[in-house]
Amino acid sequence: MIPAELLKSYDATVHTYETGDYIYEKHSLGLHYFQIVSGQVKLSNTSEDGKEFIQHIFETGQCFGEALLFLDRSYPTDAAALSASTVLELPKDRFFELLHAHPQYSLAINRTLAQRLYYKMLMSQNLFSKDPHFRLSGLMDYFKQMHSTCTSLYCLPLTRQQMANLTGLRVETVIRTVKMMEKEGQLQIKDRKIYY
């Protein structure tokens, strides 16, 4: 996204997080632009009964938290490290100075926000369906489209639990549906990994 050295020249600081560490919590005010140097970060909500719903998973090179900087709102989700992660954090005022001085990154941010809006529209259509096959196919199609340039089989970088948390399904339903999709030849399972 934005080169790390440019972010650092605008006073971005490097933070490291262990798996499960919170980067920010729901209801805290959005004051930073975040860009992942290494690792994975999830944005999620937890229901009153303790069920987690993952809104998005971000990987190395991706950014998050920028949308709230434009709105002056608090975060509607928690952000937590899914693996040991290194994250650049740029203060809000310096973020806007950077965008003003380097407008090409405004276009990149707009493209990123548009991709996320597209994902939300796809996933909201899937969530209205009661068919777990439809929900999971939509999720896998999106990940393959966004993360793979080849038309051959794509190794889905998600656990069955993460798939459940992203689609609102029970993990047992995900396991059963994935096995059925394998029998129907829609995907392959090798060493417990899903290839779609």
Protein backbone atom coordinates (compact mmCIF):
# COMPACT_ATOMS: atom_id res chain seq x y z
CA MET A 1 0.00 0.00 0.00
CA ILE A 2 2.04 3.02 1.24
CA PRO A 3 5.82 2.40 1.37
CA ALA A 4 7.00 1.77 4.94
CA GLU A 5 9.81 4.31 4.67
CA LEU A 6 7.36 7.02 3.63
CA LEU A 7 5.11 6.17 6.58
CA LYS A 8 8.09 6.33 8.94
CA SER A 9 9.11 9.71 7.52
CA TYR A 10 5.66 10.93 8.64
CA ASP A 11 6.23 9.62 12.19
CA ALA A 12 4.71 6.16 11.90
CA THR A 13 5.81 3.91 14.73
CA VAL A 14 6.40 0.18 14.61
CA HIS A 15 4.45 -1.99 17.07
CA THR A 16 4.66 -5.74 17.56
CA TYR A 17 1.78 -7.90 18.71
CA GLU A 18 1.55 -11.52 19.77
CA THR A 19 -1.32 -13.76 18.70
CA GLY A 20 -4.50 -12.58 20.42
CA ASP A 21 -3.17 -9.13 21.40
CA TYR A 22 -5.60 -6.28 20.79
CA ILE A 23 -4.45 -3.50 18.50
CA TYR A 24 -7.56 -1.53 19.36
CA GLU A 25 -10.86 -2.31 21.04
CA LYS A 26 -14.43 -1.60 20.06
CA HIS A 27 -15.63 1.90 21.02
CA SER A 28 -12.13 3.42 21.13
CA LEU A 29 -11.69 6.47 18.94
CA GLY A 30 -10.06 6.00 15.53
CA LEU A 31 -6.81 7.93 15.81
CA HIS A 32 -4.38 5.95 13.63
CA TYR A 33 -3.81 4.50 10.18
CA PHE A 34 -2.52 0.93 10.50
CA GLN A 35 -0.47 -0.99 7.94
CA ILE A 36 0.69 -4.56 8.47
CA VAL A 37 4.40 -5.18 7.96
CA SER A 38 4.06 -8.87 8.78
CA GLY A 39 1.38 -11.15 10.21
CA GLN A 40 -2.41 -11.21 10.16
CA VAL A 41 -5.02 -9.08 11.92
CA LYS A 42 -8.74 -9.71 12.29
CA LEU A 43 -11.55 -7.24 12.82
CA SER A 44 -14.35 -8.87 14.76
CA ASN A 45 -17.39 -8.44 16.97
CA THR A 46 -18.52 -10.69 19.79
CA SER A 47 -22.21 -11.27 20.55
CA GLU A 48 -23.72 -11.25 24.03
CA ASP A 49 -23.52 -15.05 24.10
CA GLY A 50 -19.79 -14.99 23.25
CA LYS A 51 -19.99 -15.93 19.57
CA GLU A 52 -17.38 -14.20 17.45
CA PHE A 53 -18.19 -12.78 14.01
CA ILE A 54 -15.12 -11.90 11.95
CA GLN A 55 -15.71 -8.85 9.78
CA HIS A 56 -12.41 -9.05 7.90
CA ILE A 57 -8.94 -10.59 7.97
CA PHE A 58 -5.98 -8.46 6.88
CA GLU A 59 -2.56 -9.73 5.86
CA THR A 60 0.96 -8.44 5.29
CA GLY A 61 0.95 -5.23 3.23
CA GLN A 62 -2.68 -4.40 3.88
CA CYS A 63 -3.99 -1.46 5.86
CA PHE A 64 -6.92 -1.04 8.23
CA GLY A 65 -8.52 1.61 10.42
CA GLU A 66 -8.38 4.29 7.73
CA ALA A 67 -12.13 4.53 7.11
CA LEU A 68 -12.80 5.78 10.65
CA LEU A 69 -10.24 8.57 10.22
CA PHE A 70 -12.54 10.15 7.63
CA LEU A 71 -15.58 9.91 9.89
CA ASP A 72 -14.29 10.88 13.36
CA ARG A 73 -16.06 7.85 14.81
CA SER A 74 -15.13 5.13 17.26
CA TYR A 75 -14.30 1.63 16.07
CA PRO A 76 -17.33 -0.68 15.67
CA THR A 77 -15.05 -3.75 15.99
CA ASP A 78 -12.06 -5.06 17.86
CA ALA A 79 -8.77 -5.47 15.97
CA ALA A 80 -6.58 -8.34 17.19
CA ALA A 81 -3.49 -10.12 15.91
CA LEU A 82 -4.24 -13.56 14.42
CA SER A 83 -0.53 -14.33 14.42
CA ALA A 84 2.63 -12.61 15.63
CA SER A 85 2.36 -9.30 13.79
CA THR A 86 4.31 -6.13 13.17
CA VAL A 87 2.19 -3.09 12.42
CA LEU A 88 3.04 0.48 11.42
CA GLU A 89 0.81 3.02 13.15
CA LEU A 90 0.54 6.54 11.77
CA PRO A 91 -1.26 9.30 13.72
CA LYS A 92 -4.37 10.70 12.06
CA ASP A 93 -3.05 14.23 11.49
CA ARG A 94 0.15 12.93 9.90
CA PHE A 95 -1.90 10.51 7.75
CA PHE A 96 -3.83 13.39 6.20
CA GLU A 97 -0.61 15.37 5.70
CA LEU A 98 0.85 12.39 3.85
CA LEU A 99 -2.25 12.05 1.63
CA HIS A 100 -2.20 15.76 0.86
CA ALA A 101 1.49 15.63 -0.14
CA HIS A 102 1.16 12.30 -2.01
CA PRO A 103 -2.31 12.20 -3.60
CA GLN A 104 -1.58 8.93 -5.43
CA TYR A 105 -2.02 7.18 -2.08
CA SER A 106 -5.47 8.75 -1.73
CA LEU A 107 -6.43 6.87 -4.87
CA ALA A 108 -4.97 3.66 -3.45
CA ILE A 109 -6.95 4.17 -0.22
CA ASN A 110 -10.13 4.79 -2.25
CA ARG A 111 -9.52 1.59 -4.22
CA THR A 112 -9.01 -0.34 -0.98
CA LEU A 113 -12.20 1.07 0.54
CA ALA A 114 -14.11 0.23 -2.65
CA GLN A 115 -12.84 -3.38 -2.52
CA ARG A 116 -13.98 -3.69 1.09
CA LEU A 117 -17.39 -2.25 0.26
CA TYR A 118 -17.68 -4.77 -2.57
CA TYR A 119 -16.77 -7.57 -0.14
CA LYS A 120 -19.40 -6.37 2.35
CA MET A 121 -22.05 -6.31 -0.38
CA LEU A 122 -21.15 -9.84 -1.49
CA MET A 123 -21.09 -11.16 2.06
CA SER A 124 -24.37 -9.47 3.00
CA GLN A 125 -26.03 -11.23 0.06
CA ASN A 126 -24.55 -14.51 1.26
CA LEU A 127 -25.64 -13.97 4.86
CA PHE A 128 -29.27 -13.65 3.78
CA SER A 129 -29.12 -17.14 2.34
CA LYS A 130 -29.86 -20.07 4.62
CA ASP A 131 -27.86 -22.33 2.31
CA PRO A 132 -24.39 -22.95 3.85
CA HIS A 133 -23.06 -24.06 0.45
CA PHE A 134 -23.99 -20.67 -1.02
CA ARG A 135 -22.40 -18.79 1.90
CA LEU A 136 -19.16 -20.75 1.77
CA SER A 137 -18.90 -20.63 -2.02
CA GLY A 138 -19.29 -16.86 -1.89
CA LEU A 139 -16.55 -16.56 0.73
CA MET A 140 -14.19 -18.84 -1.21
CA ASP A 141 -14.91 -17.05 -4.50
CA TYR A 142 -14.07 -13.71 -2.89
CA PHE A 143 -10.81 -14.91 -1.35
CA LYS A 144 -9.72 -16.58 -4.57
CA GLN A 145 -10.56 -13.47 -6.59
CA MET A 146 -8.78 -11.09 -4.20
CA HIS A 147 -5.69 -13.15 -3.40
CA SER A 148 -4.95 -15.25 -6.46
CA THR A 149 -4.03 -14.40 -10.01
CA CYS A 150 -4.22 -17.97 -11.26
CA THR A 151 -7.27 -19.89 -12.38
CA SER A 152 -6.05 -23.17 -10.88
CA LEU A 153 -6.73 -24.33 -7.35
CA TYR A 154 -6.22 -21.72 -4.64
CA CYS A 155 -5.20 -22.66 -1.08
CA LEU A 156 -7.72 -20.93 1.16
CA PRO A 157 -5.81 -19.32 4.07
CA LEU A 158 -8.63 -19.84 6.57
CA THR A 159 -9.35 -22.37 9.29
CA ARG A 160 -12.80 -23.95 9.45
CA GLN A 161 -13.45 -21.85 12.56
CA GLN A 162 -12.52 -18.64 10.74
CA MET A 163 -14.79 -19.62 7.87
CA ALA A 164 -17.61 -20.12 10.36
CA ASN A 165 -16.89 -16.78 12.02
CA LEU A 166 -16.85 -14.99 8.65
CA THR A 167 -20.13 -16.52 7.43
CA GLY A 168 -22.15 -16.76 10.64
CA LEU A 169 -22.31 -20.55 10.38
CA ARG A 170 -21.51 -23.12 13.05
CA VAL A 171 -18.11 -24.75 12.62
CA GLU A 172 -19.79 -28.17 12.40
CA THR A 173 -21.87 -26.91 9.47
CA VAL A 174 -18.74 -25.60 7.75
CA ILE A 175 -16.97 -28.95 8.18
CA ARG A 176 -19.97 -30.91 6.88
CA THR A 177 -20.52 -28.56 3.91
CA VAL A 178 -16.83 -28.52 2.94
CA LYS A 179 -16.80 -32.34 2.93
CA MET A 180 -19.91 -32.36 0.74
CA MET A 181 -18.33 -29.83 -1.64
CA GLU A 182 -15.25 -32.05 -1.85
CA LYS A 183 -17.40 -35.09 -2.73
CA GLU A 184 -19.09 -33.01 -5.44
CA GLY A 185 -15.68 -32.06 -6.89
CA GLN A 186 -16.00 -28.34 -6.13
CA LEU A 187 -12.85 -28.25 -4.01
CA GLN A 188 -10.02 -30.46 -2.79
CA ILE A 189 -8.69 -31.10 0.70
CA LYS A 190 -4.99 -31.88 1.02
CA ASP A 191 -3.26 -32.06 4.42
CA ARG A 192 -6.34 -30.46 6.03
CA LYS A 193 -6.04 -27.43 3.70
CA ILE A 194 -8.84 -26.42 1.35
CA TYR A 195 -7.96 -25.89 -2.30
CA TYR A 196 -10.68 -24.13 -4.24
